Amino acid sequence: MKKLTELYTKCSIKLDGMIRNERGSQTLEWIGIAAVIVILVGVISQAFADDTTIGDAVVEKISGMIDSIGGN
C-alpha cells in the first residue's frame, strides 16, 4: 500500500506541474488569430470574385458609403 501511495503522490505532482505549465500557450493564441485572419481574407476574396453577386453588392454598398461621405 505504501508503494501505491508513493506512486499516486508522484503522479499527482507530475500532473499538477503539467497543468500549471503554460509554456507555448501564447504561441497557440497567435496561431489561432492568424488562422481567423486567413479565413476572413479568403471569405472576402471570394466575395469580390468576378463570378459572384455578393462581391458586386459589397462594392456597391462601399461606393454608396463613400459617396455619402463626399456629399455626392
N, C-alpha and C. Protein backbone atom coordinates (compact mmCIF):
# COMPACT_ATOMS: atom_id res chain seq x y z
N MET A 1 0.82 -1.19 0.00
CA MET A 1 0.00 0.00 0.00
C MET A 1 0.86 1.25 0.00
N LYS A 2 2.03 1.17 0.66
CA LYS A 2 2.92 2.31 0.73
C LYS A 2 3.44 2.67 -0.67
N LYS A 3 3.78 1.65 -1.45
CA LYS A 3 4.28 1.89 -2.81
C LYS A 3 3.21 2.55 -3.67
N LEU A 4 1.97 2.10 -3.51
CA LEU A 4 0.86 2.67 -4.27
C LEU A 4 0.65 4.14 -3.90
N THR A 5 0.77 4.47 -2.64
CA THR A 5 0.62 5.84 -2.18
C THR A 5 1.74 6.71 -2.74
N GLU A 6 2.97 6.18 -2.74
CA GLU A 6 4.11 6.92 -3.30
C GLU A 6 3.91 7.15 -4.80
N LEU A 7 3.45 6.14 -5.52
CA LEU A 7 3.21 6.26 -6.95
C LEU A 7 2.13 7.30 -7.23
N TYR A 8 1.07 7.26 -6.43
CA TYR A 8 -0.01 8.23 -6.59
C TYR A 8 0.51 9.64 -6.34
N THR A 9 1.32 9.82 -5.32
CA THR A 9 1.87 11.14 -5.00
C THR A 9 2.75 11.65 -6.12
N LYS A 10 3.62 10.79 -6.66
CA LYS A 10 4.49 11.20 -7.77
C LYS A 10 3.68 11.59 -8.99
N CYS A 11 2.68 10.78 -9.31
CA CYS A 11 1.84 11.08 -10.48
C CYS A 11 1.06 12.36 -10.28
N SER A 12 0.58 12.57 -9.07
CA SER A 12 -0.19 13.77 -8.76
C SER A 12 0.69 15.02 -8.90
N ILE A 13 1.90 14.96 -8.41
CA ILE A 13 2.82 16.09 -8.51
C ILE A 13 3.17 16.36 -9.98
N LYS A 14 3.44 15.31 -10.73
CA LYS A 14 3.78 15.45 -12.14
C LYS A 14 2.61 16.06 -12.92
N LEU A 15 1.40 15.56 -12.67
CA LEU A 15 0.21 16.06 -13.35
C LEU A 15 -0.05 17.52 -13.00
N ASP A 16 0.12 17.87 -11.74
CA ASP A 16 -0.08 19.25 -11.31
C ASP A 16 0.90 20.18 -12.02
N GLY A 17 2.14 19.74 -12.16
CA GLY A 17 3.14 20.54 -12.88
C GLY A 17 2.79 20.71 -14.34
N MET A 18 2.26 19.67 -14.95
CA MET A 18 1.87 19.76 -16.36
C MET A 18 0.68 20.70 -16.55
N ILE A 19 -0.24 20.70 -15.61
CA ILE A 19 -1.41 21.57 -15.71
C ILE A 19 -1.00 23.03 -15.54
N ARG A 20 -0.09 23.30 -14.66
CA ARG A 20 0.34 24.68 -14.40
C ARG A 20 1.28 25.22 -15.47
N ASN A 21 1.83 24.36 -16.29
CA ASN A 21 2.77 24.78 -17.32
C ASN A 21 2.00 25.43 -18.47
N GLU A 22 2.21 26.72 -18.69
CA GLU A 22 1.53 27.44 -19.75
C GLU A 22 2.48 27.80 -20.89
N ARG A 23 3.62 27.18 -20.92
CA ARG A 23 4.59 27.48 -21.96
C ARG A 23 4.00 27.12 -23.32
N GLY A 24 4.06 28.05 -24.25
CA GLY A 24 3.56 27.81 -25.59
C GLY A 24 2.12 28.23 -25.80
N SER A 25 1.42 28.61 -24.73
CA SER A 25 0.01 28.98 -24.89
C SER A 25 -0.13 30.27 -25.69
N GLN A 26 0.78 31.21 -25.52
CA GLN A 26 0.71 32.46 -26.28
C GLN A 26 0.93 32.19 -27.76
N THR A 27 1.81 31.27 -28.08
CA THR A 27 2.03 30.91 -29.47
C THR A 27 0.77 30.33 -30.09
N LEU A 28 0.09 29.48 -29.36
CA LEU A 28 -1.17 28.92 -29.87
C LEU A 28 -2.22 29.99 -30.07
N GLU A 29 -2.24 30.99 -29.19
CA GLU A 29 -3.20 32.08 -29.36
C GLU A 29 -2.91 32.86 -30.64
N TRP A 30 -1.63 33.14 -30.90
CA TRP A 30 -1.27 33.87 -32.12
C TRP A 30 -1.58 33.04 -33.36
N ILE A 31 -1.38 31.75 -33.29
CA ILE A 31 -1.72 30.88 -34.44
C ILE A 31 -3.22 30.90 -34.68
N GLY A 32 -4.00 30.90 -33.61
CA GLY A 32 -5.46 30.97 -33.75
C GLY A 32 -5.90 32.29 -34.37
N ILE A 33 -5.29 33.39 -33.95
CA ILE A 33 -5.62 34.70 -34.53
C ILE A 33 -5.24 34.72 -36.00
N ALA A 34 -4.06 34.19 -36.34
CA ALA A 34 -3.63 34.16 -37.74
C ALA A 34 -4.58 33.31 -38.58
N ALA A 35 -5.06 32.20 -38.03
CA ALA A 35 -5.99 31.35 -38.77
C ALA A 35 -7.30 32.08 -39.05
N VAL A 36 -7.79 32.82 -38.07
CA VAL A 36 -9.02 33.59 -38.27
C VAL A 36 -8.82 34.65 -39.34
N ILE A 37 -7.68 35.32 -39.33
CA ILE A 37 -7.40 36.34 -40.34
C ILE A 37 -7.32 35.72 -41.73
N VAL A 38 -6.67 34.57 -41.84
CA VAL A 38 -6.57 33.89 -43.14
C VAL A 38 -7.96 33.50 -43.64
N ILE A 39 -8.81 33.01 -42.76
CA ILE A 39 -10.16 32.63 -43.16
C ILE A 39 -10.95 33.86 -43.61
N LEU A 40 -10.82 34.97 -42.87
CA LEU A 40 -11.53 36.19 -43.25
C LEU A 40 -11.06 36.70 -44.60
N VAL A 41 -9.76 36.68 -44.83
CA VAL A 41 -9.23 37.12 -46.13
C VAL A 41 -9.76 36.23 -47.24
N GLY A 42 -9.84 34.94 -47.01
CA GLY A 42 -10.37 34.02 -48.01
C GLY A 42 -11.83 34.29 -48.31
N VAL A 43 -12.62 34.54 -47.27
CA VAL A 43 -14.04 34.83 -47.47
C VAL A 43 -14.22 36.14 -48.22
N ILE A 44 -13.45 37.15 -47.84
CA ILE A 44 -13.55 38.45 -48.52
C ILE A 44 -13.10 38.33 -49.97
N SER A 45 -12.03 37.60 -50.23
CA SER A 45 -11.56 37.46 -51.61
C SER A 45 -12.58 36.70 -52.45
N GLN A 46 -13.29 35.74 -51.87
CA GLN A 46 -14.33 35.05 -52.60
C GLN A 46 -15.53 35.97 -52.86
N ALA A 47 -15.78 36.88 -51.92
CA ALA A 47 -16.89 37.81 -52.09
C ALA A 47 -16.62 38.79 -53.24
N PHE A 48 -15.36 39.10 -53.47
CA PHE A 48 -15.00 40.03 -54.54
C PHE A 48 -14.65 39.32 -55.84
N ALA A 49 -14.88 38.03 -55.92
CA ALA A 49 -14.61 37.30 -57.16
C ALA A 49 -15.55 37.79 -58.25
N ASP A 50 -15.14 37.66 -59.49
CA ASP A 50 -15.92 38.17 -60.62
C ASP A 50 -17.23 37.43 -60.81
N ASP A 51 -17.31 36.19 -60.40
CA ASP A 51 -18.48 35.36 -60.69
C ASP A 51 -19.59 35.48 -59.66
N THR A 52 -19.40 36.25 -58.61
CA THR A 52 -20.42 36.30 -57.56
C THR A 52 -21.13 37.64 -57.54
N THR A 53 -22.37 37.62 -57.11
CA THR A 53 -23.14 38.86 -56.96
C THR A 53 -22.90 39.47 -55.59
N ILE A 54 -22.40 38.68 -54.65
CA ILE A 54 -22.11 39.20 -53.32
C ILE A 54 -21.02 40.26 -53.41
N GLY A 55 -20.00 39.99 -54.21
CA GLY A 55 -18.92 40.96 -54.39
C GLY A 55 -19.43 42.27 -54.96
N ASP A 56 -20.34 42.18 -55.93
CA ASP A 56 -20.92 43.38 -56.52
C ASP A 56 -21.73 44.16 -55.50
N ALA A 57 -22.49 43.45 -54.68
CA ALA A 57 -23.30 44.11 -53.66
C ALA A 57 -22.42 44.81 -52.63
N VAL A 58 -21.33 44.18 -52.24
CA VAL A 58 -20.42 44.79 -51.27
C VAL A 58 -19.77 46.03 -51.87
N VAL A 59 -19.34 45.94 -53.12
CA VAL A 59 -18.72 47.09 -53.79
C VAL A 59 -19.71 48.24 -53.90
N GLU A 60 -20.96 47.94 -54.25
CA GLU A 60 -21.98 48.98 -54.36
C GLU A 60 -22.23 49.65 -53.01
N LYS A 61 -22.31 48.86 -51.94
CA LYS A 61 -22.53 49.43 -50.60
C LYS A 61 -21.37 50.33 -50.19
N ILE A 62 -20.15 49.85 -50.41
CA ILE A 62 -18.97 50.65 -50.03
C ILE A 62 -18.92 51.92 -50.86
N SER A 63 -19.21 51.81 -52.14
CA SER A 63 -19.23 53.00 -53.00
C SER A 63 -20.30 53.98 -52.55
N GLY A 64 -21.46 53.47 -52.17
CA GLY A 64 -22.52 54.34 -51.66
C GLY A 64 -22.12 55.05 -50.39
N MET A 65 -21.43 54.35 -49.50
CA MET A 65 -20.97 54.98 -48.26
C MET A 65 -19.94 56.06 -48.55
N ILE A 66 -19.04 55.77 -49.45
CA ILE A 66 -18.00 56.77 -49.79
C ILE A 66 -18.65 57.98 -50.44
N ASP A 67 -19.62 57.76 -51.32
CA ASP A 67 -20.32 58.88 -51.96
C ASP A 67 -21.08 59.72 -50.96
N SER A 68 -21.70 59.07 -49.96
CA SER A 68 -22.46 59.84 -48.96
C SER A 68 -21.53 60.65 -48.07
N ILE A 69 -20.32 60.17 -47.85
CA ILE A 69 -19.34 60.92 -47.05
C ILE A 69 -18.86 62.14 -47.84
N GLY A 70 -18.64 61.92 -49.14
CA GLY A 70 -18.15 63.00 -50.00
C GLY A 70 -19.22 64.02 -50.36
N GLY A 71 -20.47 63.75 -50.06
CA GLY A 71 -21.54 64.69 -50.34
C GLY A 71 -22.13 64.54 -51.73
N ASN A 72 -21.83 63.43 -52.44
CA ASN A 72 -22.38 63.24 -53.79
C ASN A 72 -23.73 62.61 -53.73
